[in-house]
Amino acid sequence: ADEAEYERISQALDEATEKAKPEVARILDMPLADIPAGALDYL
């Protein structure tokens, strides 16, 4: 994968993570603010 492709993949992952946060918060039944920043990287 070239640099540009890697950038696009990285961006897409970031967007997916952002979209998933509210859902994760709901499932875990905890406020979004209480979820550590790096926690979603492990899902």
Protein backbone atom coordinates (compact mmCIF):
# COMPACT_ATOMS: atom_id res chain seq x y z
CA ALA A 1 0.00 0.00 0.00
CA ASP A 2 1.33 3.40 -0.85
CA GLU A 3 1.31 6.38 1.49
CA ALA A 4 -1.92 7.87 0.12
CA GLU A 5 -3.76 4.59 0.43
CA TYR A 6 -2.55 4.20 4.00
CA GLU A 7 -3.81 7.74 4.74
CA ARG A 8 -7.25 6.87 3.37
CA ILE A 9 -7.46 3.67 5.38
CA SER A 10 -6.34 5.47 8.52
CA GLN A 11 -8.94 8.20 7.94
CA ALA A 12 -11.70 5.66 7.37
CA LEU A 13 -10.79 3.85 10.59
CA ASP A 14 -10.84 7.12 12.52
CA GLU A 15 -14.29 7.93 11.16
CA ALA A 16 -15.59 4.47 11.99
CA THR A 17 -14.21 4.80 15.51
CA GLU A 18 -15.91 8.17 15.96
CA LYS A 19 -19.22 6.70 14.77
CA ALA A 20 -18.87 3.71 17.08
CA LYS A 21 -18.23 5.71 20.27
CA PRO A 22 -21.87 6.50 21.14
CA GLU A 23 -22.84 2.89 20.50
CA VAL A 24 -20.02 1.62 22.70
CA ALA A 25 -21.02 4.05 25.44
CA ARG A 26 -24.61 2.79 25.23
CA ILE A 27 -23.61 -0.87 25.32
CA LEU A 28 -21.26 -0.34 28.26
CA ASP A 29 -23.87 1.93 29.84
CA MET A 30 -21.29 4.54 30.72
CA PRO A 31 -20.91 8.16 29.67
CA LEU A 32 -18.76 8.76 26.61
CA ALA A 33 -16.51 11.01 28.69
CA ASP A 34 -15.69 8.10 31.02
CA ILE A 35 -14.36 5.91 28.22
CA PRO A 36 -10.57 6.29 28.04
CA ALA A 37 -9.38 7.71 24.74
CA GLY A 38 -7.40 4.60 23.78
CA ALA A 39 -10.01 2.08 24.90
CA LEU A 40 -11.78 1.84 21.55
CA ASP A 41 -8.51 0.89 19.86
CA TYR A 42 -8.84 -2.52 21.49
CA LEU A 43 -12.34 -3.30 20.28
